[in-house]
Amino acid sequence: MELFDRSQPATILFDLDGTLVDPFLGIKHCLQKISKSYNFPMPEDQQIKDSIGLGMKETLRRLGLFPNIKDLDNALLSFWDAYREEGLFEHELYPGIYSLLHRLKRQGHHIYIVSSKPGIFARRIAYQFDLNLIFDAILGSSLSEEWQSKREVVDTLMASGAIKGRGIMVGDRADDIVAGKIHGLFTIAVAYGYGSPSEIIESQPNLIVQSVGELEQWFQSAFPSDELFDPFNRSE
């Protein structure tokens, strides 16, 4: 049995950072801002990129900037203050994502964001790119609690009854793929995000795509059905 039914509208879970949007500049600029307050040297760009998608508290911990947990917690709050004021507005939507999501919505699929980013910011980013009406729900972590694995975020969605045992998970990190596999979902790894090639291969997704265009082609092939809703009617 396939992990999803091609003849019916699907439940599709998307990771946010590195899958739908590129957050690098926003994160880097916020780190630069708090580096002056907390007097730490800025990490190299690649160090920042390697940690994107793991949750900001985990990112700060992995960067090794704050050996004292109290300093780490205070820096996290300062980061979110900077992120709320500026970083949110420095994300870039990957070219092609807008049309991909709209097509899936018009076909009647149930679409969700599952992010390690705080849910309040994930929802604000979706709104910023005029995508908030596309998603059935946008789930994330809290501002100050410990990093939640993607499995834990998906657990919350599963507990709501939104996923009936079959569906699709799309993400750029092994954490996304592992969460999808645990829940019996068809997993798609996007290689244009921030997961390393070895990380993606080792997570053993059902499919690896190299670009948004390739992702779009796969969805068109998997779901060639007619669009059910009027693309110009925002109430749909």
C-alpha atoms as a PDB file:
ATOM      1  CA  MET A   1       0.000   0.000   0.000  1.00  0.00           C
ATOM      2  CA  GLU A   2       1.267   3.467  -0.880  1.00  0.00           C
ATOM      3  CA  LEU A   3       1.923   5.946   1.897  1.00  0.00           C
ATOM      4  CA  PHE A   4      -0.670   8.293   0.398  1.00  0.00           C
ATOM      5  CA  ASP A   5      -3.700   7.957  -1.857  1.00  0.00           C
ATOM      6  CA  ARG A   6      -3.107   9.606  -5.229  1.00  0.00           C
ATOM      7  CA  SER A   7      -6.819   9.597  -6.027  1.00  0.00           C
ATOM      8  CA  GLN A   8      -7.784  11.687  -2.990  1.00  0.00           C
ATOM      9  CA  PRO A   9      -6.763  15.079  -1.584  1.00  0.00           C
ATOM     10  CA  ALA A  10      -3.620  14.549   0.462  1.00  0.00           C
ATOM     11  CA  THR A  11      -2.412  15.773   3.839  1.00  0.00           C
ATOM     12  CA  ILE A  12       0.875  17.579   3.146  1.00  0.00           C
ATOM     13  CA  LEU A  13       3.247  18.795   5.876  1.00  0.00           C
ATOM     14  CA  PHE A  14       5.892  21.383   5.008  1.00  0.00           C
ATOM     15  CA  ASP A  15       8.866  22.407   7.069  1.00  0.00           C
ATOM     16  CA  LEU A  16       9.362  26.195   6.950  1.00  0.00           C
ATOM     17  CA  ASP A  17      13.026  27.285   7.140  1.00  0.00           C
ATOM     18  CA  GLY A  18      15.066  25.841   4.295  1.00  0.00           C
ATOM     19  CA  THR A  19      11.976  24.399   2.601  1.00  0.00           C
ATOM     20  CA  LEU A  20       9.550  27.252   1.976  1.00  0.00           C
ATOM     21  CA  VAL A  21      11.642  30.258   3.025  1.00  0.00           C
ATOM     22  CA  ASP A  22      15.325  31.117   3.321  1.00  0.00           C
ATOM     23  CA  PRO A  23      15.880  32.654   6.795  1.00  0.00           C
ATOM     24  CA  PHE A  24      19.666  33.071   6.634  1.00  0.00           C
ATOM     25  CA  LEU A  25      19.948  36.863   6.383  1.00  0.00           C
ATOM     26  CA  GLY A  26      17.382  37.460   9.116  1.00  0.00           C
ATOM     27  CA  ILE A  27      19.110  35.063  11.507  1.00  0.00           C
ATOM     28  CA  LYS A  28      22.588  36.382  10.713  1.00  0.00           C
ATOM     29  CA  HIS A  29      21.627  40.019  11.213  1.00  0.00           C
ATOM     30  CA  CYS A  30      19.933  39.264  14.533  1.00  0.00           C
ATOM     31  CA  LEU A  31      23.022  37.405  15.733  1.00  0.00           C
ATOM     32  CA  GLN A  32      25.145  40.389  14.714  1.00  0.00           C
ATOM     33  CA  LYS A  33      22.888  42.663  16.732  1.00  0.00           C
ATOM     34  CA  ILE A  34      23.036  40.657  19.955  1.00  0.00           C
ATOM     35  CA  SER A  35      26.757  39.892  19.536  1.00  0.00           C
ATOM     36  CA  LYS A  36      27.465  43.501  20.519  1.00  0.00           C
ATOM     37  CA  SER A  37      25.367  43.212  23.672  1.00  0.00           C
ATOM     38  CA  TYR A  38      26.803  39.854  24.759  1.00  0.00           C
ATOM     39  CA  ASN A  39      30.322  40.412  23.434  1.00  0.00           C
ATOM     40  CA  PHE A  40      30.762  37.214  21.456  1.00  0.00           C
ATOM     41  CA  PRO A  41      32.524  36.808  18.103  1.00  0.00           C
ATOM     42  CA  MET A  42      30.218  36.306  15.158  1.00  0.00           C
ATOM     43  CA  PRO A  43      30.111  32.704  13.906  1.00  0.00           C
ATOM     44  CA  GLU A  44      31.105  32.014  10.318  1.00  0.00           C
ATOM     45  CA  ASP A  45      28.288  31.972   7.775  1.00  0.00           C
ATOM     46  CA  GLN A  46      28.613  28.219   7.303  1.00  0.00           C
ATOM     47  CA  GLN A  47      28.300  27.608  11.047  1.00  0.00           C
ATOM     48  CA  ILE A  48      25.024  29.508  11.041  1.00  0.00           C
ATOM     49  CA  LYS A  49      23.753  27.667   7.973  1.00  0.00           C
ATOM     50  CA  ASP A  50      24.615  24.285   9.486  1.00  0.00           C
ATOM     51  CA  SER A  51      22.342  24.986  12.443  1.00  0.00           C
ATOM     52  CA  ILE A  52      19.321  26.469  10.627  1.00  0.00           C
ATOM     53  CA  GLY A  53      16.195  24.419  11.177  1.00  0.00           C
ATOM     54  CA  LEU A  54      17.201  23.074  14.582  1.00  0.00           C
ATOM     55  CA  GLY A  55      15.450  25.725  16.685  1.00  0.00           C
ATOM     56  CA  MET A  56      17.156  28.915  17.860  1.00  0.00           C
ATOM     57  CA  LYS A  57      17.932  27.774  21.393  1.00  0.00           C
ATOM     58  CA  GLU A  58      19.580  24.664  19.986  1.00  0.00           C
ATOM     59  CA  THR A  59      21.383  26.837  17.421  1.00  0.00           C
ATOM     60  CA  LEU A  60      22.842  29.091  20.120  1.00  0.00           C
ATOM     61  CA  ARG A  61      23.806  26.042  22.157  1.00  0.00           C
ATOM     62  CA  ARG A  62      25.534  24.352  19.219  1.00  0.00           C
ATOM     63  CA  LEU A  63      27.404  27.511  18.291  1.00  0.00           C
ATOM     64  CA  GLY A  64      28.955  27.335  21.774  1.00  0.00           C
ATOM     65  CA  LEU A  65      28.566  31.056  22.448  1.00  0.00           C
ATOM     66  CA  PHE A  66      27.033  30.774  25.924  1.00  0.00           C
ATOM     67  CA  PRO A  67      28.512  28.155  28.293  1.00  0.00           C
ATOM     68  CA  ASN A  68      26.309  29.533  31.081  1.00  0.00           C
ATOM     69  CA  ILE A  69      22.665  28.443  30.702  1.00  0.00           C
ATOM     70  CA  LYS A  70      21.360  31.697  32.222  1.00  0.00           C
ATOM     71  CA  ASP A  71      23.299  33.731  29.660  1.00  0.00           C
ATOM     72  CA  LEU A  72      21.938  31.448  26.948  1.00  0.00           C
ATOM     73  CA  ASP A  73      18.342  32.020  28.073  1.00  0.00           C
ATOM     74  CA  ASN A  74      18.832  35.790  28.247  1.00  0.00           C
ATOM     75  CA  ALA A  75      20.483  35.861  24.831  1.00  0.00           C
ATOM     76  CA  LEU A  76      17.624  33.840  23.391  1.00  0.00           C
ATOM     77  CA  LEU A  77      15.112  36.433  24.593  1.00  0.00           C
ATOM     78  CA  SER A  78      17.267  39.215  23.143  1.00  0.00           C
ATOM     79  CA  PHE A  79      17.489  37.351  19.859  1.00  0.00           C
ATOM     80  CA  TRP A  80      13.701  37.026  19.657  1.00  0.00           C
ATOM     81  CA  ASP A  81      13.317  40.736  20.381  1.00  0.00           C
ATOM     82  CA  ALA A  82      15.622  41.545  17.457  1.00  0.00           C
ATOM     83  CA  TYR A  83      13.943  38.919  15.317  1.00  0.00           C
ATOM     84  CA  ARG A  84      10.491  40.362  16.004  1.00  0.00           C
ATOM     85  CA  GLU A  85      11.641  43.867  15.044  1.00  0.00           C
ATOM     86  CA  GLU A  86      13.804  43.091  12.021  1.00  0.00           C
ATOM     87  CA  GLY A  87      14.672  39.461  11.353  1.00  0.00           C
ATOM     88  CA  LEU A  88      11.141  38.426  10.386  1.00  0.00           C
ATOM     89  CA  PHE A  89      11.233  40.811   7.466  1.00  0.00           C
ATOM     90  CA  GLU A  90      14.544  39.556   6.053  1.00  0.00           C
ATOM     91  CA  HIS A  91      13.330  36.121   4.989  1.00  0.00           C
ATOM     92  CA  GLU A  92      13.091  35.234   1.317  1.00  0.00           C
ATOM     93  CA  LEU A  93      10.438  32.983  -0.166  1.00  0.00           C
ATOM     94  CA  TYR A  94      12.089  30.447  -2.461  1.00  0.00           C
ATOM     95  CA  PRO A  95      11.135  31.160  -6.089  1.00  0.00           C
ATOM     96  CA  GLY A  96       8.312  28.894  -7.209  1.00  0.00           C
ATOM     97  CA  ILE A  97       6.959  28.147  -3.719  1.00  0.00           C
ATOM     98  CA  TYR A  98       4.074  30.594  -4.005  1.00  0.00           C
ATOM     99  CA  SER A  99       2.646  29.009  -7.153  1.00  0.00           C
ATOM    100  CA  LEU A 100       3.302  25.470  -5.867  1.00  0.00           C
ATOM    101  CA  LEU A 101       1.354  26.041  -2.661  1.00  0.00           C
ATOM    102  CA  HIS A 102      -1.504  27.786  -4.425  1.00  0.00           C
ATOM    103  CA  ARG A 103      -1.872  24.949  -6.899  1.00  0.00           C
ATOM    104  CA  LEU A 104      -1.971  22.365  -4.104  1.00  0.00           C
ATOM    105  CA  LYS A 105      -4.555  24.403  -2.221  1.00  0.00           C
ATOM    106  CA  ARG A 106      -6.753  24.772  -5.305  1.00  0.00           C
ATOM    107  CA  GLN A 107      -6.693  20.992  -5.691  1.00  0.00           C
ATOM    108  CA  GLY A 108      -8.182  20.671  -2.222  1.00  0.00           C
ATOM    109  CA  HIS A 109      -5.197  19.236  -0.338  1.00  0.00           C
ATOM    110  CA  HIS A 110      -4.846  19.780   3.406  1.00  0.00           C
ATOM    111  CA  ILE A 111      -1.614  21.713   3.897  1.00  0.00           C
ATOM    112  CA  TYR A 112       0.258  22.385   7.140  1.00  0.00           C
ATOM    113  CA  ILE A 113       3.452  24.048   8.309  1.00  0.00           C
ATOM    114  CA  VAL A 114       5.333  22.143  11.015  1.00  0.00           C
ATOM    115  CA  SER A 115       8.278  24.213  12.201  1.00  0.00           C
ATOM    116  CA  SER A 116      10.832  24.209  15.002  1.00  0.00           C
ATOM    117  CA  LYS A 117      10.521  28.000  14.914  1.00  0.00           C
ATOM    118  CA  PRO A 118       8.108  29.490  17.463  1.00  0.00           C
ATOM    119  CA  GLY A 119       4.610  29.206  16.056  1.00  0.00           C
ATOM    120  CA  ILE A 120       3.912  32.913  16.527  1.00  0.00           C
ATOM    121  CA  PHE A 121       6.758  33.761  14.149  1.00  0.00           C
ATOM    122  CA  ALA A 122       5.991  30.980  11.676  1.00  0.00           C
ATOM    123  CA  ARG A 123       2.459  32.351  11.350  1.00  0.00           C
ATOM    124  CA  ARG A 124       3.759  35.908  10.959  1.00  0.00           C
ATOM    125  CA  ILE A 125       6.114  34.838   8.164  1.00  0.00           C
ATOM    126  CA  ALA A 126       3.304  33.058   6.333  1.00  0.00           C
ATOM    127  CA  TYR A 127       1.193  36.212   6.637  1.00  0.00           C
ATOM    128  CA  GLN A 128       4.058  38.353   5.373  1.00  0.00           C
ATOM    129  CA  PHE A 129       4.169  36.362   2.141  1.00  0.00           C
ATOM    130  CA  ASP A 130       0.371  36.247   1.835  1.00  0.00           C
ATOM    131  CA  LEU A 131       0.345  32.498   2.451  1.00  0.00           C
ATOM    132  CA  ASN A 132      -1.520  32.272   5.745  1.00  0.00           C
ATOM    133  CA  LEU A 133      -4.869  31.367   4.146  1.00  0.00           C
ATOM    134  CA  ILE A 134      -3.307  28.420   2.338  1.00  0.00           C
ATOM    135  CA  PHE A 135      -2.503  26.421   5.468  1.00  0.00           C
ATOM    136  CA  ASP A 136      -4.997  24.470   7.523  1.00  0.00           C
ATOM    137  CA  ALA A 137      -2.749  25.126  10.527  1.00  0.00           C
ATOM    138  CA  ILE A 138       0.748  26.427  11.275  1.00  0.00           C
ATOM    139  CA  LEU A 139       2.487  24.672  14.162  1.00  0.00           C
ATOM    140  CA  GLY A 140       5.733  25.543  15.915  1.00  0.00           C
ATOM    141  CA  SER A 141       7.458  25.638  19.283  1.00  0.00           C
ATOM    142  CA  SER A 142       7.237  28.201  22.085  1.00  0.00           C
ATOM    143  CA  LEU A 143       9.547  31.182  22.502  1.00  0.00           C
ATOM    144  CA  SER A 144      11.461  29.957  25.542  1.00  0.00           C
ATOM    145  CA  GLU A 145      10.985  26.219  26.022  1.00  0.00           C
ATOM    146  CA  GLU A 146      13.532  23.591  25.082  1.00  0.00           C
ATOM    147  CA  TRP A 147      13.951  22.790  21.411  1.00  0.00           C
ATOM    148  CA  GLN A 148      11.256  20.465  20.123  1.00  0.00           C
ATOM    149  CA  SER A 149      12.184  17.867  17.563  1.00  0.00           C
ATOM    150  CA  LYS A 150      10.086  17.841  14.441  1.00  0.00           C
ATOM    151  CA  ARG A 151       8.663  14.539  15.663  1.00  0.00           C
ATOM    152  CA  GLU A 152       7.223  16.330  18.706  1.00  0.00           C
ATOM    153  CA  VAL A 153       5.670  19.046  16.540  1.00  0.00           C
ATOM    154  CA  VAL A 154       4.121  16.419  14.256  1.00  0.00           C
ATOM    155  CA  ASP A 155       2.954  14.508  17.353  1.00  0.00           C
ATOM    156  CA  THR A 156       0.848  17.546  18.223  1.00  0.00           C
ATOM    157  CA  LEU A 157      -0.712  17.537  14.775  1.00  0.00           C
ATOM    158  CA  MET A 158      -1.349  13.803  14.935  1.00  0.00           C
ATOM    159  CA  ALA A 159      -3.012  14.165  18.329  1.00  0.00           C
ATOM    160  CA  SER A 160      -5.478  16.635  16.819  1.00  0.00           C
ATOM    161  CA  GLY A 161      -6.659  13.963  14.395  1.00  0.00           C
ATOM    162  CA  ALA A 162      -5.612  15.987  11.337  1.00  0.00           C
ATOM    163  CA  ILE A 163      -3.538  13.130   9.911  1.00  0.00           C
ATOM    164  CA  LYS A 164      -5.362   9.874   9.371  1.00  0.00           C
ATOM    165  CA  GLY A 165      -2.265   7.728   9.007  1.00  0.00           C
ATOM    166  CA  ARG A 166      -1.177   8.644   5.492  1.00  0.00           C
ATOM    167  CA  GLY A 167       0.285  11.774   4.011  1.00  0.00           C
ATOM    168  CA  ILE A 168       3.424  13.557   2.831  1.00  0.00           C
ATOM    169  CA  MET A 169       6.233  15.284   4.732  1.00  0.00           C
ATOM    170  CA  VAL A 170       8.494  17.777   2.929  1.00  0.00           C
ATOM    171  CA  GLY A 171      11.633  19.130   4.601  1.00  0.00           C
ATOM    172  CA  ASP A 172      15.330  19.868   4.251  1.00  0.00           C
ATOM    173  CA  ARG A 173      16.777  18.269   7.391  1.00  0.00           C
ATOM    174  CA  ALA A 174      17.051  14.720   8.681  1.00  0.00           C
ATOM    175  CA  ASP A 175      14.844  15.744  11.597  1.00  0.00           C
ATOM    176  CA  ASP A 176      11.995  16.364   9.134  1.00  0.00           C
ATOM    177  CA  ILE A 177      12.467  13.060   7.360  1.00  0.00           C
ATOM    178  CA  VAL A 178      12.747  11.023  10.564  1.00  0.00           C
ATOM    179  CA  ALA A 179       9.555  12.632  11.911  1.00  0.00           C
ATOM    180  CA  GLY A 180       7.701  11.775   8.732  1.00  0.00           C
ATOM    181  CA  LYS A 181       8.914   8.182   8.663  1.00  0.00           C
ATOM    182  CA  ILE A 182       8.001   7.601  12.307  1.00  0.00           C
ATOM    183  CA  HIS A 183       4.455   8.657  11.501  1.00  0.00           C
ATOM    184  CA  GLY A 184       4.226   6.570   8.339  1.00  0.00           C
ATOM    185  CA  LEU A 185       4.328   9.497   5.905  1.00  0.00           C
ATOM    186  CA  PHE A 186       5.841   9.629   2.421  1.00  0.00           C
ATOM    187  CA  THR A 187       8.985  11.714   2.915  1.00  0.00           C
ATOM    188  CA  ILE A 188      10.477  14.203   0.466  1.00  0.00           C
ATOM    189  CA  ALA A 189      13.866  15.795   1.186  1.00  0.00           C
ATOM    190  CA  VAL A 190      14.652  19.074  -0.565  1.00  0.00           C
ATOM    191  CA  ALA A 191      18.350  19.392  -1.342  1.00  0.00           C
ATOM    192  CA  TYR A 192      18.204  23.173  -1.884  1.00  0.00           C
ATOM    193  CA  GLY A 193      17.794  23.817   1.867  1.00  0.00           C
ATOM    194  CA  TYR A 194      20.242  23.550   4.766  1.00  0.00           C
ATOM    195  CA  GLY A 195      20.566  19.819   5.325  1.00  0.00           C
ATOM    196  CA  SER A 196      23.906  18.445   4.142  1.00  0.00           C
ATOM    197  CA  PRO A 197      23.923  15.853   1.331  1.00  0.00           C
ATOM    198  CA  SER A 198      25.170  13.172   3.737  1.00  0.00           C
ATOM    199  CA  GLU A 199      22.509  14.074   6.313  1.00  0.00           C
ATOM    200  CA  ILE A 200      19.775  13.802   3.724  1.00  0.00           C
ATOM    201  CA  ILE A 201      21.011  10.496   2.308  1.00  0.00           C
ATOM    202  CA  GLU A 202      21.436   8.941   5.756  1.00  0.00           C
ATOM    203  CA  SER A 203      17.862   9.873   6.703  1.00  0.00           C
ATOM    204  CA  GLN A 204      16.650   7.707   3.775  1.00  0.00           C
ATOM    205  CA  PRO A 205      13.733   9.770   2.452  1.00  0.00           C
ATOM    206  CA  ASN A 206      11.378   8.278  -0.111  1.00  0.00           C
ATOM    207  CA  LEU A 207      12.375  11.009  -2.559  1.00  0.00           C
ATOM    208  CA  ILE A 208      15.085  13.668  -2.902  1.00  0.00           C
ATOM    209  CA  VAL A 209      14.492  16.735  -5.076  1.00  0.00           C
ATOM    210  CA  GLN A 210      17.157  19.242  -6.069  1.00  0.00           C
ATOM    211  CA  SER A 211      14.980  22.306  -6.659  1.00  0.00           C
ATOM    212  CA  VAL A 212      11.537  23.807  -6.135  1.00  0.00           C
ATOM    213  CA  GLY A 213      10.902  23.172  -9.820  1.00  0.00           C
ATOM    214  CA  GLU A 214      11.589  19.474  -9.366  1.00  0.00           C
ATOM    215  CA  LEU A 215       9.309  19.413  -6.324  1.00  0.00           C
ATOM    216  CA  GLU A 216       6.565  21.060  -8.369  1.00  0.00           C
ATOM    217  CA  GLN A 217       7.010  18.510 -11.162  1.00  0.00           C
ATOM    218  CA  TRP A 218       6.684  15.637  -8.704  1.00  0.00           C
ATOM    219  CA  PHE A 219       3.475  17.012  -7.215  1.00  0.00           C
ATOM    220  CA  GLN A 220       2.043  17.567 -10.690  1.00  0.00           C
ATOM    221  CA  SER A 221       2.849  13.965 -11.566  1.00  0.00           C
ATOM    222  CA  ALA A 222       1.538  12.568  -8.272  1.00  0.00           C
ATOM    223  CA  PHE A 223      -1.636  14.680  -8.337  1.00  0.00           C
ATOM    224  CA  PRO A 224      -2.590  15.517 -11.930  1.00  0.00           C
ATOM    225  CA  SER A 225      -6.235  16.053 -10.977  1.00  0.00           C
ATOM    226  CA  ASP A 226      -8.180  19.186 -11.860  1.00  0.00           C
ATOM    227  CA  GLU A 227      -8.195  22.165  -9.547  1.00  0.00           C
ATOM    228  CA  LEU A 228     -11.374  22.218  -7.479  1.00  0.00           C
ATOM    229  CA  PHE A 229     -11.443  25.826  -6.383  1.00  0.00           C
ATOM    230  CA  ASP A 230     -11.490  29.192  -8.081  1.00  0.00           C
ATOM    231  CA  PRO A 231      -7.934  30.632  -7.868  1.00  0.00           C
ATOM    232  CA  PHE A 232      -9.331  34.170  -7.726  1.00  0.00           C
ATOM    233  CA  ASN A 233     -11.699  33.540  -4.826  1.00  0.00           C
ATOM    234  CA  ARG A 234      -9.740  34.176  -1.633  1.00  0.00           C
ATOM    235  CA  SER A 235     -12.511  32.684   0.497  1.00  0.00           C
ATOM    236  CA  GLU A 236     -11.559  29.291  -0.944  1.00  0.00           C
END
